[in-house]
């Protein structure tokens, strides 16, 4: 459920940023701040989950491996974004991001519903 809330906040902010970026610097900064919390929140929850399931002597190792695979995955995810930007400019990147977040939100909503059963 927490991941769903973060995904919804991120989706709303990404939709609003192109609409307000030319009108209000303050509102754009607030939206980017919320986006930062929405991106970093699940990252930290994943770290806490990894630390929770491992032995206390292996906390440094598990955190290192988690960081390695998280950042390798993030780097690999950046390649399609570059391809979209080169083909359709930044408006394509916004559309790509909204579609990806909507699919993530849908998946999290389905998992949340199945988990309650």
Protein backbone atom coordinates (compact mmCIF):
# COMPACT_ATOMS: atom_id res chain seq x y z
CA UNK A 1 0.00 0.00 0.00
CA UNK A 2 2.87 2.36 0.76
CA UNK A 3 4.38 1.79 -2.68
CA UNK A 4 1.03 2.62 -4.23
CA UNK A 5 0.90 5.96 -2.40
CA UNK A 6 4.44 6.82 -3.53
CA UNK A 7 3.60 5.84 -7.14
CA UNK A 8 0.44 7.96 -7.16
CA UNK A 9 2.31 10.97 -5.75
CA UNK A 10 4.99 10.57 -8.40
CA UNK A 11 2.44 10.24 -11.20
CA UNK A 12 0.54 13.34 -10.12
CA UNK A 13 3.74 15.39 -9.87
CA UNK A 14 5.04 14.28 -13.27
CA UNK A 15 1.72 15.20 -14.88
CA UNK A 16 1.67 18.62 -13.19
CA UNK A 17 5.30 19.68 -13.79
CA UNK A 18 4.96 20.41 -17.55
CA UNK A 19 1.75 22.32 -16.86
CA UNK A 20 3.19 24.69 -14.23
CA UNK A 21 6.90 24.95 -15.04
CA UNK A 22 6.47 28.13 -17.06
CA UNK A 23 4.09 29.84 -14.64
CA UNK A 24 5.38 29.31 -11.11
CA UNK A 25 8.94 28.61 -10.00
CA UNK A 26 7.79 27.94 -6.43
CA UNK A 27 5.16 25.41 -7.42
CA UNK A 28 7.65 23.68 -9.72
CA UNK A 29 10.15 23.46 -6.85
CA UNK A 30 7.47 22.04 -4.55
CA UNK A 31 6.52 19.43 -7.15
CA UNK A 32 10.15 18.40 -7.60
CA UNK A 33 10.50 18.13 -3.81
CA UNK A 34 7.48 15.83 -3.64
CA UNK A 35 8.92 13.83 -6.56
CA UNK A 36 12.17 13.42 -4.62
CA UNK A 37 10.32 12.07 -1.59
CA UNK A 38 8.24 9.78 -3.81
CA UNK A 39 11.37 8.37 -5.46
CA UNK A 40 13.56 8.08 -2.38
CA UNK A 41 10.88 6.66 -0.06
CA UNK A 42 10.62 3.22 -1.70
CA UNK A 43 14.41 3.15 -2.06
CA UNK A 44 14.80 3.53 1.72
CA UNK A 45 12.00 1.07 2.48
CA UNK A 46 13.78 -1.49 0.30
CA UNK A 47 16.99 -0.90 2.28
CA UNK A 48 15.18 -1.33 5.59
CA UNK A 49 13.55 -4.53 4.31
CA UNK A 50 16.94 -5.93 3.31
CA UNK A 51 18.41 -5.08 6.70
CA UNK A 52 15.42 -6.61 8.45
CA UNK A 53 15.80 -10.06 6.87
CA UNK A 54 19.56 -10.44 7.28
CA UNK A 55 21.84 -11.10 10.24
CA UNK A 56 23.28 -8.06 11.97
CA UNK A 57 26.84 -9.11 11.06
CA UNK A 58 25.96 -9.00 7.35
CA UNK A 59 24.25 -5.60 7.39
CA UNK A 60 27.07 -3.86 5.51
CA UNK A 61 27.27 -6.58 2.88
CA UNK A 62 23.55 -6.67 2.20
CA UNK A 63 23.40 -2.89 1.98
CA UNK A 64 26.29 -2.90 -0.51
CA UNK A 65 24.71 -5.57 -2.69
CA UNK A 66 21.36 -3.80 -2.56
CA UNK A 67 22.97 -0.56 -3.63
CA UNK A 68 24.91 -2.27 -6.41
CA UNK A 69 21.87 -3.91 -7.96
CA UNK A 70 19.66 -0.86 -7.42
CA UNK A 71 22.02 1.49 -9.20
CA UNK A 72 22.86 -0.98 -12.00
CA UNK A 73 19.11 -1.35 -12.57
CA UNK A 74 18.65 2.42 -12.55
CA UNK A 75 21.45 2.85 -15.09
CA UNK A 76 19.93 0.19 -17.34
CA UNK A 77 16.52 1.84 -17.04
CA UNK A 78 18.01 5.12 -18.24
CA UNK A 79 18.85 3.75 -21.70
CA UNK A 80 15.22 3.60 -22.93
CA UNK A 81 14.66 7.11 -21.59
CA UNK A 82 17.57 8.41 -23.67
CA UNK A 83 16.20 6.65 -26.74
CA UNK A 84 12.75 8.20 -26.19
CA UNK A 85 14.28 11.66 -25.67
CA UNK A 86 16.31 11.40 -28.86
CA UNK A 87 13.25 10.36 -30.86
CA UNK A 88 10.41 12.43 -29.34
CA UNK A 89 12.11 15.16 -27.25
CA UNK A 90 11.16 15.88 -23.65
CA UNK A 91 7.41 15.62 -24.22
CA UNK A 92 7.99 11.98 -25.15
CA UNK A 93 9.95 11.45 -21.94
CA UNK A 94 7.05 12.84 -19.88
CA UNK A 95 4.58 10.58 -21.68
CA UNK A 96 6.92 7.60 -21.24
CA UNK A 97 7.28 8.35 -17.51
CA UNK A 98 3.53 8.73 -16.98
CA UNK A 99 2.82 5.45 -18.80
CA UNK A 100 5.50 3.64 -16.77
CA UNK A 101 4.18 5.03 -13.48
CA UNK A 102 0.58 4.24 -14.39
CA UNK A 103 1.58 0.64 -15.14
CA UNK A 104 3.45 0.52 -11.83
CA UNK A 105 0.45 1.95 -9.98
CA UNK A 106 -1.87 -0.57 -11.62
CA UNK A 107 0.45 -3.44 -10.71
CA UNK A 108 0.75 -2.24 -7.11
CA UNK A 109 -3.02 -1.81 -6.84
CA UNK A 110 -3.58 -5.37 -8.09
CA UNK A 111 -0.97 -6.74 -5.70
CA UNK A 112 -2.49 -4.78 -2.83
CA UNK A 113 -5.93 -6.19 -3.62
CA UNK A 114 -4.61 -9.75 -3.94
CA UNK A 115 -2.67 -9.41 -0.69
CA UNK A 116 -5.84 -8.54 1.23
CA UNK A 117 -7.61 -11.74 0.12
